[in-house]
Amino acid sequence: MIGDIFEVIWVSLIAGVGITASFSFVVLGSGRSAEARREGHSIATVAYGALAVVFLIVFFGGFVYAIDVLLTKR
């Protein structure tokens, strides 16, 4: 019983921090990509854009996995 409660606490903490951090990297990559594009730095634009896309995929993957866990009876 107590072990289950601690498992819920640490899993939700890890998931919350992970999802928040991944979306933060999406915002960071998008902003830096736009700034680099305005300044004419094409390599940095692509690199930051790729960072944003990768973490957007991570974010949506975590979101879909969380919905799957919520809707699946185990």
N, C-alpha and C. Protein backbone atom coordinates (compact mmCIF):
# COMPACT_ATOMS: atom_id res chain seq x y z
N MET A 1 0.83 -1.20 0.00
CA MET A 1 0.00 0.00 0.00
C MET A 1 0.87 1.26 0.00
N ILE A 2 1.76 1.38 0.97
CA ILE A 2 2.63 2.56 1.05
C ILE A 2 3.59 2.57 -0.14
N GLY A 3 4.07 1.39 -0.54
CA GLY A 3 4.96 1.31 -1.70
C GLY A 3 4.27 1.77 -2.97
N ASP A 4 2.99 1.46 -3.11
CA ASP A 4 2.23 1.91 -4.28
C ASP A 4 2.09 3.42 -4.30
N ILE A 5 1.89 4.01 -3.14
CA ILE A 5 1.75 5.47 -3.06
C ILE A 5 3.07 6.15 -3.45
N PHE A 6 4.18 5.62 -2.94
CA PHE A 6 5.48 6.18 -3.30
C PHE A 6 5.78 6.00 -4.79
N GLU A 7 5.34 4.88 -5.35
CA GLU A 7 5.53 4.66 -6.79
C GLU A 7 4.76 5.70 -7.60
N VAL A 8 3.53 5.97 -7.21
CA VAL A 8 2.72 6.98 -7.90
C VAL A 8 3.39 8.35 -7.79
N ILE A 9 3.91 8.67 -6.61
CA ILE A 9 4.54 9.97 -6.40
C ILE A 9 5.76 10.14 -7.28
N TRP A 10 6.67 9.18 -7.30
CA TRP A 10 7.90 9.38 -8.07
C TRP A 10 7.67 9.27 -9.56
N VAL A 11 6.73 8.41 -10.00
CA VAL A 11 6.44 8.32 -11.43
C VAL A 11 5.79 9.61 -11.93
N SER A 12 4.86 10.15 -11.16
CA SER A 12 4.22 11.39 -11.59
C SER A 12 5.20 12.56 -11.55
N LEU A 13 6.11 12.57 -10.61
CA LEU A 13 7.13 13.62 -10.55
C LEU A 13 8.05 13.55 -11.77
N ILE A 14 8.51 12.36 -12.09
CA ILE A 14 9.39 12.19 -13.26
C ILE A 14 8.64 12.56 -14.54
N ALA A 15 7.40 12.11 -14.67
CA ALA A 15 6.62 12.41 -15.88
C ALA A 15 6.35 13.91 -15.99
N GLY A 16 6.00 14.54 -14.90
CA GLY A 16 5.73 15.97 -14.93
C GLY A 16 6.95 16.79 -15.30
N VAL A 17 8.08 16.46 -14.73
CA VAL A 17 9.31 17.17 -15.05
C VAL A 17 9.73 16.88 -16.49
N GLY A 18 9.60 15.64 -16.92
CA GLY A 18 10.00 15.26 -18.28
C GLY A 18 9.17 15.94 -19.35
N ILE A 19 7.86 15.94 -19.18
CA ILE A 19 6.97 16.57 -20.16
C ILE A 19 7.20 18.08 -20.17
N THR A 20 7.34 18.68 -19.00
CA THR A 20 7.57 20.12 -18.92
C THR A 20 8.91 20.49 -19.56
N ALA A 21 9.94 19.73 -19.27
CA ALA A 21 11.26 20.01 -19.84
C ALA A 21 11.26 19.84 -21.36
N SER A 22 10.58 18.81 -21.86
CA SER A 22 10.57 18.61 -23.31
C SER A 22 9.85 19.76 -24.01
N PHE A 23 8.75 20.24 -23.46
CA PHE A 23 8.07 21.37 -24.09
C PHE A 23 8.89 22.66 -23.94
N SER A 24 9.64 22.78 -22.86
CA SER A 24 10.52 23.94 -22.70
C SER A 24 11.59 23.96 -23.79
N PHE A 25 12.11 22.79 -24.15
CA PHE A 25 13.08 22.73 -25.24
C PHE A 25 12.45 23.04 -26.59
N VAL A 26 11.16 22.72 -26.75
CA VAL A 26 10.46 23.10 -27.98
C VAL A 26 10.40 24.62 -28.09
N VAL A 27 10.04 25.27 -27.00
CA VAL A 27 9.96 26.74 -27.00
C VAL A 27 11.35 27.35 -27.21
N LEU A 28 12.35 26.82 -26.53
CA LEU A 28 13.72 27.31 -26.68
C LEU A 28 14.20 27.17 -28.13
N GLY A 29 14.03 25.99 -28.70
CA GLY A 29 14.48 25.76 -30.07
C GLY A 29 13.75 26.62 -31.07
N SER A 30 12.46 26.80 -30.89
CA SER A 30 11.69 27.64 -31.81
C SER A 30 12.13 29.10 -31.73
N GLY A 31 12.30 29.59 -30.53
CA GLY A 31 12.71 30.99 -30.36
C GLY A 31 14.11 31.25 -30.89
N ARG A 32 15.03 30.37 -30.57
CA ARG A 32 16.40 30.55 -31.04
C ARG A 32 16.48 30.37 -32.56
N SER A 33 15.67 29.48 -33.11
CA SER A 33 15.66 29.29 -34.56
C SER A 33 15.17 30.55 -35.26
N ALA A 34 14.12 31.15 -34.73
CA ALA A 34 13.59 32.39 -35.33
C ALA A 34 14.61 33.52 -35.22
N GLU A 35 15.28 33.60 -34.07
CA GLU A 35 16.29 34.64 -33.88
C GLU A 35 17.47 34.44 -34.83
N ALA A 36 17.92 33.21 -34.97
CA ALA A 36 19.04 32.92 -35.88
C ALA A 36 18.66 33.18 -37.33
N ARG A 37 17.40 32.91 -37.68
CA ARG A 37 16.94 33.17 -39.05
C ARG A 37 16.95 34.66 -39.35
N ARG A 38 16.51 35.47 -38.38
CA ARG A 38 16.52 36.93 -38.57
C ARG A 38 17.93 37.47 -38.73
N GLU A 39 18.89 36.85 -38.04
CA GLU A 39 20.28 37.31 -38.11
C GLU A 39 21.04 36.71 -39.28
N GLY A 40 20.42 35.79 -40.02
CA GLY A 40 21.04 35.21 -41.20
C GLY A 40 21.98 34.05 -40.94
N HIS A 41 21.86 33.40 -39.81
CA HIS A 41 22.71 32.24 -39.48
C HIS A 41 21.97 30.96 -39.86
N SER A 42 22.20 30.48 -41.07
CA SER A 42 21.41 29.36 -41.58
C SER A 42 21.69 28.05 -40.86
N ILE A 43 22.94 27.78 -40.48
CA ILE A 43 23.25 26.52 -39.80
C ILE A 43 22.61 26.49 -38.42
N ALA A 44 22.69 27.59 -37.70
CA ALA A 44 22.06 27.67 -36.38
C ALA A 44 20.55 27.57 -36.49
N THR A 45 19.98 28.14 -37.55
CA THR A 45 18.54 28.06 -37.76
C THR A 45 18.10 26.61 -37.90
N VAL A 46 18.82 25.86 -38.71
CA VAL A 46 18.48 24.45 -38.91
C VAL A 46 18.70 23.65 -37.63
N ALA A 47 19.78 23.91 -36.93
CA ALA A 47 20.08 23.16 -35.71
C ALA A 47 19.02 23.40 -34.63
N TYR A 48 18.67 24.65 -34.41
CA TYR A 48 17.65 24.94 -33.40
C TYR A 48 16.27 24.46 -33.85
N GLY A 49 16.00 24.53 -35.14
CA GLY A 49 14.74 24.00 -35.66
C GLY A 49 14.65 22.50 -35.46
N ALA A 50 15.76 21.80 -35.69
CA ALA A 50 15.80 20.35 -35.48
C ALA A 50 15.61 20.02 -34.00
N LEU A 51 16.23 20.81 -33.13
CA LEU A 51 16.05 20.62 -31.69
C LEU A 51 14.58 20.75 -31.31
N ALA A 52 13.92 21.76 -31.85
CA ALA A 52 12.51 21.98 -31.56
C ALA A 52 11.66 20.81 -32.07
N VAL A 53 11.95 20.33 -33.26
CA VAL A 53 11.16 19.23 -33.83
C VAL A 53 11.36 17.94 -33.04
N VAL A 54 12.60 17.65 -32.68
CA VAL A 54 12.88 16.42 -31.92
C VAL A 54 12.15 16.44 -30.58
N PHE A 55 12.23 17.56 -29.88
CA PHE A 55 11.57 17.61 -28.58
C PHE A 55 10.05 17.73 -28.70
N LEU A 56 9.55 18.23 -29.82
CA LEU A 56 8.11 18.21 -30.04
C LEU A 56 7.63 16.77 -30.22
N ILE A 57 8.42 15.96 -30.92
CA ILE A 57 8.08 14.54 -31.07
C ILE A 57 8.14 13.84 -29.71
N VAL A 58 9.15 14.15 -28.91
CA VAL A 58 9.25 13.58 -27.56
C VAL A 58 8.05 13.99 -26.72
N PHE A 59 7.67 15.27 -26.79
CA PHE A 59 6.52 15.77 -26.03
C PHE A 59 5.24 15.04 -26.42
N PHE A 60 4.97 14.97 -27.73
CA PHE A 60 3.75 14.30 -28.17
C PHE A 60 3.79 12.80 -27.88
N GLY A 61 4.97 12.19 -27.97
CA GLY A 61 5.09 10.78 -27.61
C GLY A 61 4.76 10.54 -26.15
N GLY A 62 5.26 11.39 -25.28
CA GLY A 62 4.92 11.28 -23.86
C GLY A 62 3.46 11.52 -23.59
N PHE A 63 2.88 12.47 -24.31
CA PHE A 63 1.46 12.77 -24.16
C PHE A 63 0.61 11.57 -24.58
N VAL A 64 0.92 11.01 -25.73
CA VAL A 64 0.15 9.85 -26.23
C VAL A 64 0.33 8.66 -25.30
N TYR A 65 1.54 8.44 -24.82
CA TYR A 65 1.77 7.34 -23.88
C TYR A 65 0.97 7.54 -22.59
N ALA A 66 0.93 8.76 -22.09
CA ALA A 66 0.17 9.04 -20.87
C ALA A 66 -1.32 8.79 -21.07
N ILE A 67 -1.85 9.20 -22.21
CA ILE A 67 -3.27 8.95 -22.50
C ILE A 67 -3.52 7.45 -22.61
N ASP A 68 -2.60 6.72 -23.23
CA ASP A 68 -2.73 5.27 -23.35
C ASP A 68 -2.75 4.61 -21.97
N VAL A 69 -1.87 5.04 -21.09
CA VAL A 69 -1.83 4.49 -19.74
C VAL A 69 -3.12 4.80 -18.99
N LEU A 70 -3.63 6.00 -19.16
CA LEU A 70 -4.87 6.38 -18.47
C LEU A 70 -6.07 5.57 -18.94
N LEU A 71 -6.11 5.25 -20.23
CA LEU A 71 -7.29 4.59 -20.79
C LEU A 71 -7.20 3.07 -20.80
N THR A 72 -6.05 2.51 -20.50
CA THR A 72 -5.86 1.07 -20.52
C THR A 72 -5.97 0.53 -19.10
N LYS A 73 -6.83 -0.46 -18.95
CA LYS A 73 -6.94 -1.10 -17.64
C LYS A 73 -5.81 -2.11 -17.50
N ARG A 74 -5.10 -2.05 -16.41
CA ARG A 74 -3.98 -2.98 -16.18
C ARG A 74 -4.21 -3.75 -14.92
